[in-house]
């Protein structure tokens, strides 16, 4: 595990300490859990996220593309 140094406002630090005491966790563990949750909720999408997006669509892809392109020029 890599150690990092961050600057936090004193009030935030007090809130982390209070929450850590309530949950019987170390401040470091509480912050690790919070950061892991943040990353899980905000992960960067990958190219594979769109794979198969139109698999169940009855739309003709070429026709759709043509309609979209023609609409842009109107």
N, C-alpha and C. Protein backbone atom coordinates (compact mmCIF):
# COMPACT_ATOMS: atom_id res chain seq x y z
N UNK A 1 0.85 -1.17 0.00
CA UNK A 1 0.00 0.00 0.00
C UNK A 1 0.89 1.23 0.00
N UNK A 2 0.52 2.20 -0.80
CA UNK A 2 1.28 3.44 -0.91
C UNK A 2 0.72 4.49 0.04
N UNK A 3 1.60 5.21 0.67
CA UNK A 3 1.20 6.27 1.59
C UNK A 3 1.17 7.59 0.82
N UNK A 4 0.14 8.40 1.09
CA UNK A 4 0.05 9.72 0.47
C UNK A 4 -0.14 10.77 1.56
N UNK A 5 0.17 12.00 1.23
CA UNK A 5 -0.01 13.11 2.15
C UNK A 5 -1.02 14.06 1.51
N UNK A 6 -2.06 14.41 2.26
CA UNK A 6 -3.05 15.37 1.77
C UNK A 6 -3.28 16.44 2.83
N UNK A 7 -3.69 17.60 2.40
CA UNK A 7 -4.05 18.69 3.31
C UNK A 7 -5.56 18.76 3.41
N UNK A 8 -6.07 18.76 4.64
CA UNK A 8 -7.50 18.86 4.89
C UNK A 8 -7.77 20.01 5.85
N UNK A 9 -8.91 20.67 5.70
CA UNK A 9 -9.28 21.68 6.68
C UNK A 9 -9.48 21.01 8.05
N UNK A 10 -9.18 21.75 9.10
CA UNK A 10 -9.30 21.21 10.47
C UNK A 10 -10.70 20.67 10.76
N UNK A 11 -11.72 21.38 10.31
CA UNK A 11 -13.09 20.94 10.57
C UNK A 11 -13.37 19.60 9.90
N UNK A 12 -12.89 19.42 8.67
CA UNK A 12 -13.06 18.13 7.99
C UNK A 12 -12.37 17.02 8.77
N UNK A 13 -11.17 17.30 9.25
CA UNK A 13 -10.42 16.31 10.02
C UNK A 13 -11.17 15.92 11.29
N UNK A 14 -11.76 16.89 11.95
CA UNK A 14 -12.55 16.59 13.16
C UNK A 14 -13.74 15.70 12.82
N UNK A 15 -14.37 15.98 11.69
CA UNK A 15 -15.51 15.15 11.28
C UNK A 15 -15.08 13.73 10.94
N UNK A 16 -13.93 13.58 10.28
CA UNK A 16 -13.40 12.24 10.00
C UNK A 16 -13.12 11.50 11.30
N UNK A 17 -12.52 12.19 12.24
CA UNK A 17 -12.20 11.56 13.53
C UNK A 17 -13.47 11.15 14.27
N UNK A 18 -14.49 12.00 14.27
CA UNK A 18 -15.75 11.66 14.94
C UNK A 18 -16.40 10.44 14.29
N UNK A 19 -16.44 10.43 12.98
CA UNK A 19 -17.05 9.30 12.27
C UNK A 19 -16.25 8.02 12.49
N UNK A 20 -14.93 8.13 12.48
CA UNK A 20 -14.08 6.96 12.72
C UNK A 20 -14.34 6.39 14.11
N UNK A 21 -14.51 7.25 15.10
CA UNK A 21 -14.78 6.79 16.46
C UNK A 21 -16.13 6.09 16.54
N UNK A 22 -17.13 6.65 15.89
CA UNK A 22 -18.47 6.05 15.89
C UNK A 22 -18.46 4.67 15.26
N UNK A 23 -17.71 4.52 14.17
CA UNK A 23 -17.67 3.25 13.44
C UNK A 23 -16.58 2.30 13.92
N UNK A 24 -15.83 2.73 14.91
CA UNK A 24 -14.73 1.92 15.45
C UNK A 24 -13.72 1.52 14.37
N UNK A 25 -13.36 2.51 13.57
CA UNK A 25 -12.36 2.33 12.52
C UNK A 25 -11.28 3.38 12.70
N UNK A 26 -10.13 3.10 12.12
CA UNK A 26 -9.09 4.13 12.10
C UNK A 26 -9.49 5.20 11.08
N UNK A 27 -8.96 6.39 11.26
CA UNK A 27 -9.22 7.45 10.30
C UNK A 27 -8.76 7.02 8.90
N UNK A 28 -7.60 6.40 8.83
CA UNK A 28 -7.07 5.97 7.53
C UNK A 28 -8.00 4.97 6.85
N UNK A 29 -8.52 4.01 7.62
CA UNK A 29 -9.42 3.01 7.04
C UNK A 29 -10.71 3.65 6.56
N UNK A 30 -11.23 4.56 7.33
CA UNK A 30 -12.46 5.26 6.94
C UNK A 30 -12.25 6.03 5.64
N UNK A 31 -11.13 6.72 5.53
CA UNK A 31 -10.84 7.48 4.31
C UNK A 31 -10.60 6.54 3.14
N UNK A 32 -9.93 5.40 3.36
CA UNK A 32 -9.75 4.41 2.29
C UNK A 32 -11.10 3.94 1.77
N UNK A 33 -12.01 3.62 2.69
CA UNK A 33 -13.34 3.15 2.28
C UNK A 33 -14.09 4.23 1.50
N UNK A 34 -13.99 5.46 1.97
CA UNK A 34 -14.66 6.57 1.28
C UNK A 34 -14.11 6.76 -0.13
N UNK A 35 -12.80 6.71 -0.26
CA UNK A 35 -12.18 6.88 -1.58
C UNK A 35 -12.51 5.72 -2.50
N UNK A 36 -12.52 4.51 -1.98
CA UNK A 36 -12.89 3.35 -2.80
C UNK A 36 -14.32 3.48 -3.31
N UNK A 37 -15.22 3.91 -2.44
CA UNK A 37 -16.61 4.12 -2.85
C UNK A 37 -16.73 5.21 -3.90
N UNK A 38 -15.98 6.29 -3.72
CA UNK A 38 -16.00 7.38 -4.69
C UNK A 38 -15.52 6.89 -6.06
N UNK A 39 -14.43 6.12 -6.06
CA UNK A 39 -13.90 5.62 -7.33
C UNK A 39 -14.86 4.64 -7.99
N UNK A 40 -15.52 3.82 -7.20
CA UNK A 40 -16.49 2.87 -7.76
C UNK A 40 -17.67 3.61 -8.40
N UNK A 41 -18.10 4.69 -7.77
CA UNK A 41 -19.23 5.46 -8.29
C UNK A 41 -18.85 6.34 -9.47
N UNK A 42 -17.58 6.65 -9.62
CA UNK A 42 -17.14 7.60 -10.65
C UNK A 42 -16.07 7.04 -11.56
N UNK A 43 -16.09 5.75 -11.75
CA UNK A 43 -15.05 5.14 -12.58
C UNK A 43 -15.15 5.63 -14.02
N UNK A 44 -14.02 5.73 -14.66
CA UNK A 44 -13.98 6.14 -16.05
C UNK A 44 -14.56 5.02 -16.90
N UNK A 45 -15.35 5.38 -17.87
CA UNK A 45 -15.93 4.35 -18.73
C UNK A 45 -14.86 3.83 -19.68
N UNK A 46 -15.05 2.62 -20.10
CA UNK A 46 -14.11 2.02 -21.05
C UNK A 46 -14.81 1.85 -22.39
N UNK A 47 -14.06 1.54 -23.40
CA UNK A 47 -14.63 1.32 -24.72
C UNK A 47 -15.61 0.16 -24.71
N UNK A 48 -15.41 -0.80 -23.82
CA UNK A 48 -16.28 -1.97 -23.77
C UNK A 48 -17.66 -1.66 -23.22
N UNK A 49 -17.83 -0.54 -22.55
CA UNK A 49 -19.13 -0.20 -21.97
C UNK A 49 -20.21 -0.06 -23.04
N UNK A 50 -19.83 0.33 -24.25
CA UNK A 50 -20.81 0.53 -25.32
C UNK A 50 -20.96 -0.71 -26.20
N UNK A 51 -20.14 -1.73 -26.00
CA UNK A 51 -20.20 -2.93 -26.83
C UNK A 51 -21.56 -3.59 -26.68
N UNK A 52 -22.24 -3.84 -27.79
CA UNK A 52 -23.53 -4.50 -27.76
C UNK A 52 -24.69 -3.61 -27.39
N UNK A 53 -24.48 -2.32 -27.34
CA UNK A 53 -25.51 -1.38 -26.92
C UNK A 53 -26.75 -1.45 -27.81
N UNK A 54 -26.56 -1.70 -29.08
CA UNK A 54 -27.67 -1.75 -30.03
C UNK A 54 -28.05 -3.18 -30.40
N UNK A 55 -27.56 -4.16 -29.67
CA UNK A 55 -27.77 -5.56 -30.03
C UNK A 55 -29.24 -5.94 -30.14
N UNK A 56 -30.08 -5.42 -29.27
CA UNK A 56 -31.50 -5.79 -29.27
C UNK A 56 -32.37 -4.79 -30.01
N UNK A 57 -31.75 -3.90 -30.76
CA UNK A 57 -32.50 -2.88 -31.49
C UNK A 57 -32.90 -3.42 -32.86
N UNK A 58 -34.09 -3.06 -33.30
CA UNK A 58 -34.57 -3.46 -34.63
C UNK A 58 -34.26 -2.40 -35.67
N UNK A 59 -33.46 -1.43 -35.30
CA UNK A 59 -33.12 -0.32 -36.19
C UNK A 59 -31.98 -0.72 -37.12
N UNK A 60 -32.13 -0.35 -38.38
CA UNK A 60 -31.06 -0.56 -39.36
C UNK A 60 -30.00 0.50 -39.11
N UNK A 61 -28.80 0.08 -38.79
CA UNK A 61 -27.73 1.00 -38.43
C UNK A 61 -27.37 1.97 -39.54
N UNK A 62 -27.32 1.48 -40.77
CA UNK A 62 -26.96 2.33 -41.91
C UNK A 62 -28.06 3.37 -42.14
N UNK A 63 -29.32 2.95 -42.06
CA UNK A 63 -30.44 3.87 -42.23
C UNK A 63 -30.43 4.93 -41.13
N UNK A 64 -30.21 4.51 -39.91
CA UNK A 64 -30.16 5.45 -38.78
C UNK A 64 -29.05 6.48 -38.98
N UNK A 65 -27.88 5.99 -39.36
CA UNK A 65 -26.74 6.89 -39.58
C UNK A 65 -27.05 7.91 -40.68
N UNK A 66 -27.67 7.44 -41.75
CA UNK A 66 -28.02 8.32 -42.85
C UNK A 66 -29.02 9.38 -42.41
N UNK A 67 -30.02 8.98 -41.61
CA UNK A 67 -31.02 9.93 -41.13
C UNK A 67 -30.39 10.98 -40.22
N UNK A 68 -29.50 10.56 -39.36
CA UNK A 68 -28.85 11.49 -38.44
C UNK A 68 -27.99 12.47 -39.22
N UNK A 69 -27.26 11.97 -40.18
CA UNK A 69 -26.40 12.86 -40.97
C UNK A 69 -27.22 13.85 -41.79
N UNK A 70 -28.32 13.38 -42.37
CA UNK A 70 -29.17 14.28 -43.17
C UNK A 70 -29.84 15.32 -42.29
N UNK A 71 -30.22 14.94 -41.09
CA UNK A 71 -30.87 15.87 -40.17
C UNK A 71 -29.92 17.01 -39.78
N UNK A 72 -28.64 16.70 -39.65
CA UNK A 72 -27.66 17.72 -39.28
C UNK A 72 -27.53 18.81 -40.34
N UNK A 73 -27.85 18.49 -41.59
CA UNK A 73 -27.66 19.44 -42.68
C UNK A 73 -28.93 20.23 -42.98
N UNK A 74 -30.02 19.90 -42.35
CA UNK A 74 -31.28 20.61 -42.64
C UNK A 74 -31.36 21.91 -41.90
